[in-house]
C-alpha atoms as a PDB file:
ATOM      1  CA  UNK A   1       9.212 254.197  70.704  1.00  0.00           C
ATOM      2  CA  UNK A   2      11.442 252.983  73.525  1.00  0.00           C
ATOM      3  CA  UNK A   3      10.674 252.624  77.249  1.00  0.00           C
ATOM      4  CA  UNK A   4      12.360 255.911  78.069  1.00  0.00           C
ATOM      5  CA  UNK A   5      10.294 257.816  75.547  1.00  0.00           C
ATOM      6  CA  UNK A   6       7.048 256.267  76.734  1.00  0.00           C
ATOM      7  CA  UNK A   7       7.773 256.707  80.439  1.00  0.00           C
ATOM      8  CA  UNK A   8       8.859 260.293  79.785  1.00  0.00           C
ATOM      9  CA  UNK A   9       5.525 261.041  78.110  1.00  0.00           C
ATOM     10  CA  UNK A  10       3.597 259.349  80.924  1.00  0.00           C
ATOM     11  CA  UNK A  11       5.450 261.323  83.606  1.00  0.00           C
ATOM     12  CA  UNK A  12       4.950 264.545  81.647  1.00  0.00           C
ATOM     13  CA  UNK A  13       1.219 263.800  81.401  1.00  0.00           C
ATOM     14  CA  UNK A  14       1.054 263.208  85.167  1.00  0.00           C
ATOM     15  CA  UNK A  15       2.632 266.591  85.865  1.00  0.00           C
ATOM     16  CA  UNK A  16       0.242 268.298  83.439  1.00  0.00           C
ATOM     17  CA  UNK A  17      -2.760 266.653  85.112  1.00  0.00           C
ATOM     18  CA  UNK A  18      -1.460 267.594  88.575  1.00  0.00           C
ATOM     19  CA  UNK A  19      -0.741 271.188  87.554  1.00  0.00           C
ATOM     20  CA  UNK A  20      -4.333 271.578  86.361  1.00  0.00           C
ATOM     21  CA  UNK A  21      -6.069 269.664  89.138  1.00  0.00           C
ATOM     22  CA  UNK A  22      -3.845 269.837  92.210  1.00  0.00           C
ATOM     23  CA  UNK A  23      -4.131 267.462  95.171  1.00  0.00           C
ATOM     24  CA  UNK A  24      -7.200 266.095  96.889  1.00  0.00           C
ATOM     25  CA  UNK A  25      -9.190 264.119  94.341  1.00  0.00           C
ATOM     26  CA  UNK A  26      -9.867 260.406  94.416  1.00  0.00           C
ATOM     27  CA  UNK A  27      -7.537 258.189  92.413  1.00  0.00           C
ATOM     28  CA  UNK A  28     -10.351 257.523  89.917  1.00  0.00           C
ATOM     29  CA  UNK A  29     -10.446 261.207  88.938  1.00  0.00           C
ATOM     30  CA  UNK A  30      -6.702 261.311  88.224  1.00  0.00           C
ATOM     31  CA  UNK A  31      -7.068 257.994  86.382  1.00  0.00           C
ATOM     32  CA  UNK A  32      -9.652 259.398  83.972  1.00  0.00           C
ATOM     33  CA  UNK A  33      -7.646 262.593  83.478  1.00  0.00           C
ATOM     34  CA  UNK A  34      -4.496 260.550  82.707  1.00  0.00           C
ATOM     35  CA  UNK A  35      -6.324 258.494  80.069  1.00  0.00           C
ATOM     36  CA  UNK A  36      -7.484 261.708  78.369  1.00  0.00           C
ATOM     37  CA  UNK A  37      -4.005 263.244  78.504  1.00  0.00           C
ATOM     38  CA  UNK A  38      -2.194 260.110  77.281  1.00  0.00           C
ATOM     39  CA  UNK A  39      -4.569 259.688  74.348  1.00  0.00           C
ATOM     40  CA  UNK A  40      -3.763 263.267  73.306  1.00  0.00           C
ATOM     41  CA  UNK A  41      -0.176 262.019  72.842  1.00  0.00           C
ATOM     42  CA  UNK A  42      -1.418 259.207  70.574  1.00  0.00           C
ATOM     43  CA  UNK A  43      -0.374 256.557  73.068  1.00  0.00           C
ATOM     44  CA  UNK A  44      -2.237 253.250  73.176  1.00  0.00           C
ATOM     45  CA  UNK A  45      -3.781 253.160  76.656  1.00  0.00           C
ATOM     46  CA  UNK A  46      -5.593 250.231  78.234  1.00  0.00           C
ATOM     47  CA  UNK A  47      -7.456 251.159  81.410  1.00  0.00           C
ATOM     48  CA  UNK A  48      -8.140 248.631  84.201  1.00  0.00           C
ATOM     49  CA  UNK A  49      -6.379 245.812  82.328  1.00  0.00           C
ATOM     50  CA  UNK A  50      -7.206 242.454  83.894  1.00  0.00           C
ATOM     51  CA  UNK A  51      -4.312 240.286  85.041  1.00  0.00           C
ATOM     52  CA  UNK A  52      -5.215 236.700  85.852  1.00  0.00           C
ATOM     53  CA  UNK A  53      -3.479 235.154  88.856  1.00  0.00           C
ATOM     54  CA  UNK A  54      -2.793 231.438  88.744  1.00  0.00           C
ATOM     55  CA  UNK A  55      -2.065 228.801  91.335  1.00  0.00           C
ATOM     56  CA  UNK A  56      -1.091 225.397  89.937  1.00  0.00           C
ATOM     57  CA  UNK A  57      -2.535 226.277  86.522  1.00  0.00           C
ATOM     58  CA  UNK A  58      -5.897 227.387  87.947  1.00  0.00           C
ATOM     59  CA  UNK A  59      -7.145 230.953  88.087  1.00  0.00           C
ATOM     60  CA  UNK A  60      -7.403 232.055  91.725  1.00  0.00           C
ATOM     61  CA  UNK A  61      -8.035 235.759  91.225  1.00  0.00           C
ATOM     62  CA  UNK A  62      -7.662 238.887  89.195  1.00  0.00           C
ATOM     63  CA  UNK A  63      -5.598 242.050  89.487  1.00  0.00           C
ATOM     64  CA  UNK A  64      -6.599 245.207  87.672  1.00  0.00           C
ATOM     65  CA  UNK A  65      -3.693 247.242  86.355  1.00  0.00           C
ATOM     66  CA  UNK A  66      -4.593 250.951  86.333  1.00  0.00           C
ATOM     67  CA  UNK A  67      -2.991 251.795  82.994  1.00  0.00           C
ATOM     68  CA  UNK A  68      -1.144 249.695  80.447  1.00  0.00           C
ATOM     69  CA  UNK A  69       0.629 251.867  77.879  1.00  0.00           C
ATOM     70  CA  UNK A  70       1.789 250.777  74.411  1.00  0.00           C
ATOM     71  CA  UNK A  71       1.726 247.100  75.446  1.00  0.00           C
ATOM     72  CA  UNK A  72       4.874 247.571  77.511  1.00  0.00           C
ATOM     73  CA  UNK A  73       4.606 250.035  80.426  1.00  0.00           C
ATOM     74  CA  UNK A  74       2.478 249.282  83.490  1.00  0.00           C
ATOM     75  CA  UNK A  75       1.270 252.342  85.413  1.00  0.00           C
ATOM     76  CA  UNK A  76      -0.133 252.201  88.935  1.00  0.00           C
ATOM     77  CA  UNK A  77      -1.810 255.394  90.153  1.00  0.00           C
ATOM     78  CA  UNK A  78      -2.220 256.560  93.741  1.00  0.00           C
ATOM     79  CA  UNK A  79      -3.588 259.620  95.489  1.00  0.00           C
ATOM     80  CA  UNK A  80      -2.156 259.293  98.989  1.00  0.00           C
ATOM     81  CA  UNK A  81      -0.010 261.321 101.358  1.00  0.00           C
ATOM     82  CA  UNK A  82       3.064 259.235 100.528  1.00  0.00           C
ATOM     83  CA  UNK A  83       3.893 256.054  98.636  1.00  0.00           C
ATOM     84  CA  UNK A  84       4.204 252.967 100.861  1.00  0.00           C
ATOM     85  CA  UNK A  85       6.448 249.956 100.269  1.00  0.00           C
ATOM     86  CA  UNK A  86       3.295 247.896  99.645  1.00  0.00           C
ATOM     87  CA  UNK A  87       2.464 250.067  96.632  1.00  0.00           C
ATOM     88  CA  UNK A  88       5.896 249.345  95.142  1.00  0.00           C
ATOM     89  CA  UNK A  89       5.544 245.591  95.777  1.00  0.00           C
ATOM     90  CA  UNK A  90       2.108 245.655  94.129  1.00  0.00           C
ATOM     91  CA  UNK A  91       3.593 247.176  90.970  1.00  0.00           C
ATOM     92  CA  UNK A  92       6.428 244.637  90.826  1.00  0.00           C
ATOM     93  CA  UNK A  93       3.852 241.837  91.191  1.00  0.00           C
ATOM     94  CA  UNK A  94       1.975 243.281  88.206  1.00  0.00           C
ATOM     95  CA  UNK A  95       5.196 243.408  86.174  1.00  0.00           C
ATOM     96  CA  UNK A  96       5.981 239.792  87.038  1.00  0.00           C
ATOM     97  CA  UNK A  97       2.435 238.683  86.258  1.00  0.00           C
ATOM     98  CA  UNK A  98       2.364 240.431  82.890  1.00  0.00           C
ATOM     99  CA  UNK A  99       6.007 239.596  82.162  1.00  0.00           C
ATOM    100  CA  UNK A 100       6.710 243.253  81.386  1.00  0.00           C
ATOM    101  CA  UNK A 101       9.983 244.943  82.215  1.00  0.00           C
ATOM    102  CA  UNK A 102       9.087 248.425  83.445  1.00  0.00           C
ATOM    103  CA  UNK A 103       6.399 250.137  85.448  1.00  0.00           C
ATOM    104  CA  UNK A 104       5.672 253.523  86.931  1.00  0.00           C
ATOM    105  CA  UNK A 105       4.101 254.212  90.298  1.00  0.00           C
ATOM    106  CA  UNK A 106       2.612 257.705  90.159  1.00  0.00           C
ATOM    107  CA  UNK A 107       1.276 259.357  93.289  1.00  0.00           C
ATOM    108  CA  UNK A 108      -0.756 262.546  93.053  1.00  0.00           C
ATOM    109  CA  UNK A 109       0.267 263.648  96.543  1.00  0.00           C
ATOM    110  CA  UNK A 110      -0.029 266.821  98.629  1.00  0.00           C
ATOM    111  CA  UNK A 111       3.340 268.207  97.500  1.00  0.00           C
ATOM    112  CA  UNK A 112       3.215 267.190  93.844  1.00  0.00           C
ATOM    113  CA  UNK A 113       3.592 264.124  91.652  1.00  0.00           C
ATOM    114  CA  UNK A 114       5.781 261.440  93.201  1.00  0.00           C
ATOM    115  CA  UNK A 115       7.300 259.027  90.662  1.00  0.00           C
ATOM    116  CA  UNK A 116       8.803 255.590  91.300  1.00  0.00           C
ATOM    117  CA  UNK A 117      10.187 253.591  88.398  1.00  0.00           C
ATOM    118  CA  UNK A 118      10.159 249.838  89.054  1.00  0.00           C
ATOM    119  CA  UNK A 119      11.582 246.919  87.107  1.00  0.00           C
ATOM    120  CA  UNK A 120      10.500 243.312  86.908  1.00  0.00           C
ATOM    121  CA  UNK A 121      12.141 240.941  89.346  1.00  0.00           C
ATOM    122  CA  UNK A 122      13.440 238.531  86.721  1.00  0.00           C
ATOM    123  CA  UNK A 123      14.622 236.006  89.351  1.00  0.00           C
ATOM    124  CA  UNK A 124      11.047 235.440  90.541  1.00  0.00           C
ATOM    125  CA  UNK A 125       9.395 235.602  87.118  1.00  0.00           C
ATOM    126  CA  UNK A 126       8.454 232.355  85.372  1.00  0.00           C
END
């Protein structure tokens, strides 16, 4: 399956979860609901995938990616009033760290699901 097919299924799952649950839950609740919904579509889902951060070949910290789908799509979930620039930068950092090309930022906000598709910044990737 290609990126478009996977991201389409992920976005569809987000809308289904939102339509059933609405706004106002913690991110962790939407996270668990998304895992259930994505597995129904037979997608390989890794939850809270650890991303090691290095400085001069030494581990200096960890990031936890909310969802990693089919070994290629990084998904960052939010439940806030509106997506901030910092949320988008966070997702691009994950893409660079994992060396993956595409990610989705999904916000379960007060007016519906907000979707941002982000791509890896190849110039800064090593």
